[in-house]
Amino acid sequence: IRAVPAIPPRGRSAGSPAVFDTALVIEDPSQYIPSSGIACLRPAQIRVLFKLPPQFGIYPHPLAYIEWFTPLNHPDPISGMYTTRRSTR
């Protein structure tokens, strides 16, 4: 998973655009059933990956700040693809 800010052009270097990967997130682990496909998953865009400073305790994994998309409900009848948009809540 990548969350990389844009690098502005500098001298002869062209720079590079920002990259923020998208992931399907298990919203409620108690309701997640692996055989249910994407029914219990929600799309999100990873904006920042970080670790907490030691004064907040030891947490073994990096944390992520994400921006949610709306839940996946039903696939489009014509394309068969799920539609989503950025969540406003």
PDB file of N, CA and C in Angstrom:
ATOM      1  N   ILE A   1       0.860  -1.171   0.000  1.00  0.00           N
ATOM      2  CA  ILE A   1       0.000   0.000   0.000  1.00  0.00           C
ATOM      3  C   ILE A   1       0.901   1.226   0.000  1.00  0.00           C
ATOM      4  N   ARG A   2       0.584   2.168  -0.884  1.00  0.00           N
ATOM      5  CA  ARG A   2       1.398   3.376  -1.008  1.00  0.00           C
ATOM      6  C   ARG A   2       0.594   4.627  -0.670  1.00  0.00           C
ATOM      7  N   ALA A   3       1.237   5.533   0.030  1.00  0.00           N
ATOM      8  CA  ALA A   3       0.711   6.869   0.292  1.00  0.00           C
ATOM      9  C   ALA A   3       1.906   7.799   0.168  1.00  0.00           C
ATOM     10  N   VAL A   4       2.102   8.348  -1.038  1.00  0.00           N
ATOM     11  CA  VAL A   4       3.302   9.128  -1.346  1.00  0.00           C
ATOM     12  C   VAL A   4       2.879  10.518  -1.822  1.00  0.00           C
ATOM     13  N   PRO A   5       3.333  11.579  -1.138  1.00  0.00           N
ATOM     14  CA  PRO A   5       2.976  12.924  -1.595  1.00  0.00           C
ATOM     15  C   PRO A   5       3.670  13.259  -2.911  1.00  0.00           C
ATOM     16  N   ALA A   6       3.149  14.251  -3.593  1.00  0.00           N
ATOM     17  CA  ALA A   6       3.759  14.703  -4.848  1.00  0.00           C
ATOM     18  C   ALA A   6       5.153  15.260  -4.577  1.00  0.00           C
ATOM     19  N   ILE A   7       6.042  15.058  -5.527  1.00  0.00           N
ATOM     20  CA  ILE A   7       7.389  15.630  -5.460  1.00  0.00           C
ATOM     21  C   ILE A   7       7.457  16.702  -6.542  1.00  0.00           C
ATOM     22  N   PRO A   8       7.622  17.966  -6.139  1.00  0.00           N
ATOM     23  CA  PRO A   8       7.629  19.040  -7.137  1.00  0.00           C
ATOM     24  C   PRO A   8       8.872  18.975  -8.019  1.00  0.00           C
ATOM     25  N   PRO A   9       8.780  19.510  -9.236  1.00  0.00           N
ATOM     26  CA  PRO A   9       9.957  19.554 -10.107  1.00  0.00           C
ATOM     27  C   PRO A   9      11.075  20.359  -9.446  1.00  0.00           C
ATOM     28  N   ARG A  10      12.301  19.901  -9.660  1.00  0.00           N
ATOM     29  CA  ARG A  10      13.443  20.601  -9.066  1.00  0.00           C
ATOM     30  C   ARG A  10      14.612  20.525 -10.036  1.00  0.00           C
ATOM     31  N   GLY A  11      15.046  21.661 -10.500  1.00  0.00           N
ATOM     32  CA  GLY A  11      16.139  21.673 -11.468  1.00  0.00           C
ATOM     33  C   GLY A  11      15.713  20.947 -12.736  1.00  0.00           C
ATOM     34  N   ARG A  12      16.467  19.933 -13.128  1.00  0.00           N
ATOM     35  CA  ARG A  12      16.129  19.148 -14.324  1.00  0.00           C
ATOM     36  C   ARG A  12      15.229  17.961 -14.014  1.00  0.00           C
ATOM     37  N   SER A  13      14.984  17.724 -12.753  1.00  0.00           N
ATOM     38  CA  SER A  13      14.107  16.619 -12.356  1.00  0.00           C
ATOM     39  C   SER A  13      12.653  17.013 -12.603  1.00  0.00           C
ATOM     40  N   ALA A  14      11.905  16.115 -13.217  1.00  0.00           N
ATOM     41  CA  ALA A  14      10.506  16.398 -13.557  1.00  0.00           C
ATOM     42  C   ALA A  14       9.579  16.312 -12.352  1.00  0.00           C
ATOM     43  N   GLY A  15      10.026  15.735 -11.252  1.00  0.00           N
ATOM     44  CA  GLY A  15       9.142  15.532 -10.114  1.00  0.00           C
ATOM     45  C   GLY A  15       8.237  14.341 -10.372  1.00  0.00           C
ATOM     46  N   SER A  16       7.302  14.108  -9.480  1.00  0.00           N
ATOM     47  CA  SER A  16       6.363  12.999  -9.678  1.00  0.00           C
ATOM     48  C   SER A  16       5.039  13.308  -8.993  1.00  0.00           C
ATOM     49  N   PRO A  17       3.941  12.757  -9.519  1.00  0.00           N
ATOM     50  CA  PRO A  17       2.627  13.014  -8.930  1.00  0.00           C
ATOM     51  C   PRO A  17       2.442  12.234  -7.628  1.00  0.00           C
ATOM     52  N   ALA A  18       1.477  12.655  -6.841  1.00  0.00           N
ATOM     53  CA  ALA A  18       1.134  11.940  -5.610  1.00  0.00           C
ATOM     54  C   ALA A  18       0.529  10.581  -5.955  1.00  0.00           C
ATOM     55  N   VAL A  19       0.727   9.620  -5.070  1.00  0.00           N
ATOM     56  CA  VAL A  19       0.148   8.280  -5.237  1.00  0.00           C
ATOM     57  C   VAL A  19      -0.525   7.905  -3.924  1.00  0.00           C
ATOM     58  N   PHE A  20      -1.832   7.687  -3.957  1.00  0.00           N
ATOM     59  CA  PHE A  20      -2.588   7.275  -2.782  1.00  0.00           C
ATOM     60  C   PHE A  20      -3.412   6.057  -3.174  1.00  0.00           C
ATOM     61  N   ASP A  21      -2.980   4.874  -2.744  1.00  0.00           N
ATOM     62  CA  ASP A  21      -3.653   3.639  -3.121  1.00  0.00           C
ATOM     63  C   ASP A  21      -5.039   3.535  -2.497  1.00  0.00           C
ATOM     64  N   THR A  22      -5.859   2.704  -3.099  1.00  0.00           N
ATOM     65  CA  THR A  22      -7.196   2.410  -2.608  1.00  0.00           C
ATOM     66  C   THR A  22      -7.202   0.995  -2.058  1.00  0.00           C
ATOM     67  N   ALA A  23      -7.967   0.777  -0.996  1.00  0.00           N
ATOM     68  CA  ALA A  23      -8.040  -0.547  -0.378  1.00  0.00           C
ATOM     69  C   ALA A  23      -9.488  -0.870  -0.045  1.00  0.00           C
ATOM     70  N   LEU A  24      -9.791  -2.158   0.050  1.00  0.00           N
ATOM     71  CA  LEU A  24     -11.082  -2.608   0.559  1.00  0.00           C
ATOM     72  C   LEU A  24     -10.872  -2.953   2.027  1.00  0.00           C
ATOM     73  N   VAL A  25     -11.619  -2.267   2.907  1.00  0.00           N
ATOM     74  CA  VAL A  25     -11.404  -2.346   4.347  1.00  0.00           C
ATOM     75  C   VAL A  25     -12.539  -3.119   5.009  1.00  0.00           C
ATOM     76  N   ILE A  26     -12.189  -3.983   5.960  1.00  0.00           N
ATOM     77  CA  ILE A  26     -13.199  -4.675   6.774  1.00  0.00           C
ATOM     78  C   ILE A  26     -13.671  -3.662   7.808  1.00  0.00           C
ATOM     79  N   GLU A  27     -14.907  -3.198   7.668  1.00  0.00           N
ATOM     80  CA  GLU A  27     -15.433  -2.183   8.586  1.00  0.00           C
ATOM     81  C   GLU A  27     -15.744  -2.754   9.960  1.00  0.00           C
ATOM     82  N   ASP A  28     -16.366  -3.917  10.005  1.00  0.00           N
ATOM     83  CA  ASP A  28     -16.750  -4.531  11.275  1.00  0.00           C
ATOM     84  C   ASP A  28     -16.270  -5.980  11.287  1.00  0.00           C
ATOM     85  N   PRO A  29     -15.128  -6.258  11.926  1.00  0.00           N
ATOM     86  CA  PRO A  29     -14.591  -7.625  11.926  1.00  0.00           C
ATOM     87  C   PRO A  29     -15.555  -8.667  12.486  1.00  0.00           C
ATOM     88  N   SER A  30     -16.458  -8.269  13.395  1.00  0.00           N
ATOM     89  CA  SER A  30     -17.393  -9.242  13.972  1.00  0.00           C
ATOM     90  C   SER A  30     -18.444  -9.700  12.962  1.00  0.00           C
ATOM     91  N   GLN A  31     -18.684  -8.922  11.908  1.00  0.00           N
ATOM     92  CA  GLN A  31     -19.679  -9.291  10.901  1.00  0.00           C
ATOM     93  C   GLN A  31     -19.054  -9.792   9.603  1.00  0.00           C
ATOM     94  N   TYR A  32     -17.730  -9.767   9.522  1.00  0.00           N
ATOM     95  CA  TYR A  32     -17.055 -10.157   8.280  1.00  0.00           C
ATOM     96  C   TYR A  32     -17.045 -11.669   8.101  1.00  0.00           C
ATOM     97  N   ILE A  33     -17.501 -12.121   6.937  1.00  0.00           N
ATOM     98  CA  ILE A  33     -17.480 -13.535   6.563  1.00  0.00           C
ATOM     99  C   ILE A  33     -16.671 -13.624   5.272  1.00  0.00           C
ATOM    100  N   PRO A  34     -15.481 -14.259   5.314  1.00  0.00           N
ATOM    101  CA  PRO A  34     -14.628 -14.299   4.121  1.00  0.00           C
ATOM    102  C   PRO A  34     -15.321 -14.819   2.864  1.00  0.00           C
ATOM    103  N   SER A  35     -16.242 -15.750   3.005  1.00  0.00           N
ATOM    104  CA  SER A  35     -16.910 -16.317   1.830  1.00  0.00           C
ATOM    105  C   SER A  35     -17.969 -15.388   1.239  1.00  0.00           C
ATOM    106  N   SER A  36     -18.228 -14.231   1.875  1.00  0.00           N
ATOM    107  CA  SER A  36     -19.272 -13.318   1.386  1.00  0.00           C
ATOM    108  C   SER A  36     -18.772 -12.372   0.298  1.00  0.00           C
ATOM    109  N   GLY A  37     -17.549 -12.553  -0.165  1.00  0.00           N
ATOM    110  CA  GLY A  37     -17.014 -11.683  -1.212  1.00  0.00           C
ATOM    111  C   GLY A  37     -16.768 -10.289  -0.683  1.00  0.00           C
ATOM    112  N   ILE A  38     -17.226  -9.277  -1.425  1.00  0.00           N
ATOM    113  CA  ILE A  38     -16.973  -7.899  -0.994  1.00  0.00           C
ATOM    114  C   ILE A  38     -18.134  -7.303  -0.205  1.00  0.00           C
ATOM    115  N   ALA A  39     -19.101  -8.138   0.194  1.00  0.00           N
ATOM    116  CA  ALA A  39     -20.297  -7.646   0.877  1.00  0.00           C
ATOM    117  C   ALA A  39     -19.987  -6.880   2.160  1.00  0.00           C
ATOM    118  N   CYS A  40     -18.999  -7.277   2.922  1.00  0.00           N
ATOM    119  CA  CYS A  40     -18.690  -6.617   4.196  1.00  0.00           C
ATOM    120  C   CYS A  40     -17.462  -5.718   4.098  1.00  0.00           C
ATOM    121  N   LEU A  41     -17.069  -5.367   2.884  1.00  0.00           N
ATOM    122  CA  LEU A  41     -15.890  -4.529   2.689  1.00  0.00           C
ATOM    123  C   LEU A  41     -16.305  -3.147   2.202  1.00  0.00           C
ATOM    124  N   ARG A  42     -15.500  -2.158   2.533  1.00  0.00           N
ATOM    125  CA  ARG A  42     -15.797  -0.789   2.106  1.00  0.00           C
ATOM    126  C   ARG A  42     -14.539  -0.172   1.510  1.00  0.00           C
ATOM    127  N   PRO A  43     -14.666   0.482   0.355  1.00  0.00           N
ATOM    128  CA  PRO A  43     -13.487   1.092  -0.261  1.00  0.00           C
ATOM    129  C   PRO A  43     -13.042   2.348   0.494  1.00  0.00           C
ATOM    130  N   ALA A  44     -11.729   2.526   0.532  1.00  0.00           N
ATOM    131  CA  ALA A  44     -11.140   3.700   1.177  1.00  0.00           C
ATOM    132  C   ALA A  44      -9.847   4.053   0.456  1.00  0.00           C
ATOM    133  N   GLN A  45      -9.490   5.329   0.495  1.00  0.00           N
ATOM    134  CA  GLN A  45      -8.220   5.765  -0.087  1.00  0.00           C
ATOM    135  C   GLN A  45      -7.246   6.030   1.055  1.00  0.00           C
ATOM    136  N   ILE A  46      -6.063   5.418   0.968  1.00  0.00           N
ATOM    137  CA  ILE A  46      -5.032   5.576   1.987  1.00  0.00           C
ATOM    138  C   ILE A  46      -4.356   6.926   1.765  1.00  0.00           C
ATOM    139  N   ARG A  47      -4.400   7.794   2.752  1.00  0.00           N
ATOM    140  CA  ARG A  47      -3.801   9.125   2.606  1.00  0.00           C
ATOM    141  C   ARG A  47      -2.462   9.247   3.337  1.00  0.00           C
ATOM    142  N   VAL A  48      -2.325   8.608   4.494  1.00  0.00           N
ATOM    143  CA  VAL A  48      -1.077   8.676   5.262  1.00  0.00           C
ATOM    144  C   VAL A  48      -0.882   7.360   5.998  1.00  0.00           C
ATOM    145  N   LEU A  49       0.339   6.829   5.974  1.00  0.00           N
ATOM    146  CA  LEU A  49       0.736   5.688   6.797  1.00  0.00           C
ATOM    147  C   LEU A  49       1.693   6.221   7.854  1.00  0.00           C
ATOM    148  N   PHE A  50       1.476   5.841   9.135  1.00  0.00           N
ATOM    149  CA  PHE A  50       2.317   6.403  10.194  1.00  0.00           C
ATOM    150  C   PHE A  50       2.419   5.445  11.375  1.00  0.00           C
ATOM    151  N   LYS A  51       3.381   5.713  12.251  1.00  0.00           N
ATOM    152  CA  LYS A  51       3.540   4.992  13.514  1.00  0.00           C
ATOM    153  C   LYS A  51       3.375   5.998  14.643  1.00  0.00           C
ATOM    154  N   LEU A  52       2.811   5.537  15.758  1.00  0.00           N
ATOM    155  CA  LEU A  52       2.648   6.412  16.912  1.00  0.00           C
ATOM    156  C   LEU A  52       3.980   6.601  17.627  1.00  0.00           C
ATOM    157  N   PRO A  53       4.202   7.775  18.223  1.00  0.00           N
ATOM    158  CA  PRO A  53       5.409   7.970  19.028  1.00  0.00           C
ATOM    159  C   PRO A  53       5.383   7.036  20.242  1.00  0.00           C
ATOM    160  N   PRO A  54       6.542   6.659  20.775  1.00  0.00           N
ATOM    161  CA  PRO A  54       6.614   5.703  21.891  1.00  0.00           C
ATOM    162  C   PRO A  54       5.812   6.113  23.125  1.00  0.00           C
ATOM    163  N   GLN A  55       5.639   7.409  23.379  1.00  0.00           N
ATOM    164  CA  GLN A  55       4.909   7.829  24.578  1.00  0.00           C
ATOM    165  C   GLN A  55       3.434   7.428  24.543  1.00  0.00           C
ATOM    166  N   PHE A  56       2.915   7.007  23.390  1.00  0.00           N
ATOM    167  CA  PHE A  56       1.526   6.560  23.291  1.00  0.00           C
ATOM    168  C   PHE A  56       1.403   5.049  23.437  1.00  0.00           C
ATOM    169  N   GLY A  57       2.482   4.377  23.777  1.00  0.00           N
ATOM    170  CA  GLY A  57       2.460   2.928  23.937  1.00  0.00           C
ATOM    171  C   GLY A  57       3.007   2.244  22.695  1.00  0.00           C
ATOM    172  N   ILE A  58       3.164   0.955  22.821  1.00  0.00           N
ATOM    173  CA  ILE A  58       3.725   0.176  21.718  1.00  0.00           C
ATOM    174  C   ILE A  58       2.590  -0.452  20.925  1.00  0.00           C
ATOM    175  N   TYR A  59       2.541  -0.146  19.663  1.00  0.00           N
ATOM    176  CA  TYR A  59       1.567  -0.746  18.755  1.00  0.00           C
ATOM    177  C   TYR A  59       2.377  -1.393  17.642  1.00  0.00           C
ATOM    178  N   PRO A  60       2.200  -2.699  17.399  1.00  0.00           N
ATOM    179  CA  PRO A  60       3.105  -3.428  16.510  1.00  0.00           C
ATOM    180  C   PRO A  60       2.994  -3.114  15.017  1.00  0.00           C
ATOM    181  N   HIS A  61       1.942  -2.454  14.597  1.00  0.00           N
ATOM    182  CA  HIS A  61       1.737  -2.230  13.166  1.00  0.00           C
ATOM    183  C   HIS A  61       1.588  -0.741  12.867  1.00  0.00           C
ATOM    184  N   PRO A  62       1.918  -0.323  11.646  1.00  0.00           N
ATOM    185  CA  PRO A  62       1.661   1.070  11.259  1.00  0.00           C
ATOM    186  C   PRO A  62       0.152   1.335  11.231  1.00  0.00           C
ATOM    187  N   LEU A  63      -0.219   2.570  11.399  1.00  0.00           N
ATOM    188  CA  LEU A  63      -1.620   2.993  11.318  1.00  0.00           C
ATOM    189  C   LEU A  63      -1.825   3.721   9.996  1.00  0.00           C
ATOM    190  N   ALA A  64      -3.083   3.890   9.618  1.00  0.00           N
ATOM    191  CA  ALA A  64      -3.393   4.563   8.358  1.00  0.00           C
ATOM    192  C   ALA A  64      -4.488   5.594   8.578  1.00  0.00           C
ATOM    193  N   TYR A  65      -4.308   6.760   7.973  1.00  0.00           N
ATOM    194  CA  TYR A  65      -5.373   7.754   7.889  1.00  0.00           C
ATOM    195  C   TYR A  65      -6.008   7.543   6.522  1.00  0.00           C
ATOM    196  N   ILE A  66      -7.323   7.308   6.505  1.00  0.00           N
ATOM    197  CA  ILE A  66      -7.996   6.999   5.246  1.00  0.00           C
ATOM    198  C   ILE A  66      -9.148   7.959   4.989  1.00  0.00           C
ATOM    199  N   GLU A  67      -9.535   8.054   3.722  1.00  0.00           N
ATOM    200  CA  GLU A  67     -10.747   8.770   3.327  1.00  0.00           C
ATOM    201  C   GLU A  67     -11.707   7.731   2.777  1.00  0.00           C
ATOM    202  N   TRP A  68     -12.885   7.662   3.380  1.00  0.00           N
ATOM    203  CA  TRP A  68     -13.873   6.653   3.008  1.00  0.00           C
ATOM    204  C   TRP A  68     -14.557   6.968   1.686  1.00  0.00           C
ATOM    205  N   PHE A  69     -14.981   5.913   1.012  1.00  0.00           N
ATOM    206  CA  PHE A  69     -15.905   5.998  -0.114  1.00  0.00           C
ATOM    207  C   PHE A  69     -17.239   5.442   0.374  1.00  0.00           C
ATOM    208  N   THR A  70     -18.308   5.694  -0.365  1.00  0.00           N
ATOM    209  CA  THR A  70     -19.609   5.156   0.021  1.00  0.00           C
ATOM    210  C   THR A  70     -19.567   3.628  -0.053  1.00  0.00           C
ATOM    211  N   PRO A  71     -20.389   2.944   0.768  1.00  0.00           N
ATOM    212  CA  PRO A  71     -20.390   1.476   0.748  1.00  0.00           C
ATOM    213  C   PRO A  71     -20.788   0.925  -0.625  1.00  0.00           C
ATOM    214  N   LEU A  72     -20.313  -0.278  -0.909  1.00  0.00           N
ATOM    215  CA  LEU A  72     -20.679  -0.976  -2.149  1.00  0.00           C
ATOM    216  C   LEU A  72     -22.007  -1.677  -1.899  1.00  0.00           C
ATOM    217  N   ASN A  73     -23.041  -1.304  -2.635  1.00  0.00           N
ATOM    218  CA  ASN A  73     -24.354  -1.901  -2.410  1.00  0.00           C
ATOM    219  C   ASN A  73     -24.653  -3.004  -3.418  1.00  0.00           C
ATOM    220  N   HIS A  74     -25.009  -2.624  -4.618  1.00  0.00           N
ATOM    221  CA  HIS A  74     -25.361  -3.591  -5.654  1.00  0.00           C
ATOM    222  C   HIS A  74     -24.616  -3.244  -6.934  1.00  0.00           C
ATOM    223  N   PRO A  75     -24.215  -4.250  -7.696  1.00  0.00           N
ATOM    224  CA  PRO A  75     -23.543  -3.943  -8.960  1.00  0.00           C
ATOM    225  C   PRO A  75     -24.516  -3.315  -9.957  1.00  0.00           C
ATOM    226  N   ASP A  76     -23.983  -2.499 -10.833  1.00  0.00           N
ATOM    227  CA  ASP A  76     -24.760  -1.883 -11.898  1.00  0.00           C
ATOM    228  C   ASP A  76     -25.313  -2.994 -12.789  1.00  0.00           C
ATOM    229  N   PRO A  77     -26.608  -2.954 -13.141  1.00  0.00           N
ATOM    230  CA  PRO A  77     -27.186  -4.042 -13.933  1.00  0.00           C
ATOM    231  C   PRO A  77     -26.596  -4.176 -15.338  1.00  0.00           C
ATOM    232  N   ILE A  78     -26.103  -3.103 -15.907  1.00  0.00           N
ATOM    233  CA  ILE A  78     -25.564  -3.166 -17.266  1.00  0.00           C
ATOM    234  C   ILE A  78     -24.096  -3.595 -17.272  1.00  0.00           C
ATOM    235  N   SER A  79     -23.271  -2.922 -16.462  1.00  0.00           N
ATOM    236  CA  SER A  79     -21.830  -3.217 -16.483  1.00  0.00           C
ATOM    237  C   SER A  79     -21.440  -4.339 -15.531  1.00  0.00           C
ATOM    238  N   GLY A  80     -22.269  -4.582 -14.504  1.00  0.00           N
ATOM    239  CA  GLY A  80     -21.921  -5.580 -13.499  1.00  0.00           C
ATOM    240  C   GLY A  80     -20.883  -5.076 -12.506  1.00  0.00           C
ATOM    241  N   MET A  81     -20.532  -3.790 -12.608  1.00  0.00           N
ATOM    242  CA  MET A  81     -19.519  -3.221 -11.717  1.00  0.00           C
ATOM    243  C   MET A  81     -20.186  -2.422 -10.601  1.00  0.00           C
ATOM    244  N   TYR A  82     -19.532  -2.396  -9.438  1.00  0.00           N
ATOM    245  CA  TYR A  82     -20.027  -1.605  -8.316  1.00  0.00           C
ATOM    246  C   TYR A  82     -19.649  -0.145  -8.528  1.00  0.00           C
ATOM    247  N   THR A  83     -20.521   0.753  -8.099  1.00  0.00           N
ATOM    248  CA  THR A  83     -20.216   2.179  -8.181  1.00  0.00           C
ATOM    249  C   THR A  83     -20.045   2.726  -6.771  1.00  0.00           C
ATOM    250  N   THR A  84     -19.220   3.734  -6.650  1.00  0.00           N
ATOM    251  CA  THR A  84     -18.978   4.365  -5.358  1.00  0.00           C
ATOM    252  C   THR A  84     -18.557   5.805  -5.596  1.00  0.00           C
ATOM    253  N   ARG A  85     -18.552   6.598  -4.549  1.00  0.00           N
ATOM    254  CA  ARG A  85     -18.065   7.980  -4.617  1.00  0.00           C
ATOM    255  C   ARG A  85     -17.532   8.330  -3.229  1.00  0.00           C
ATOM    256  N   ARG A  86     -16.840   9.434  -3.151  1.00  0.00           N
ATOM    257  CA  ARG A  86     -16.291   9.832  -1.852  1.00  0.00           C
ATOM    258  C   ARG A  86     -17.428  10.061  -0.857  1.00  0.00           C
ATOM    259  N   SER A  87     -17.244   9.559   0.344  1.00  0.00           N
ATOM    260  CA  SER A  87     -18.251   9.698   1.383  1.00  0.00           C
ATOM    261  C   SER A  87     -18.209  11.110   1.956  1.00  0.00           C
ATOM    262  N   THR A  88     -19.374  11.644   2.303  1.00  0.00           N
ATOM    263  CA  THR A  88     -19.436  12.975   2.903  1.00  0.00           C
ATOM    264  C   THR A  88     -19.656  12.892   4.408  1.00  0.00           C
ATOM    265  N   ARG A  89     -19.717  11.701   4.968  1.00  0.00           N
ATOM    266  CA  ARG A  89     -19.902  11.523   6.413  1.00  0.00           C
ATOM    267  C   ARG A  89     -18.628  11.114   7.059  1.00  0.00           C
TER     268      ARG A  89
END
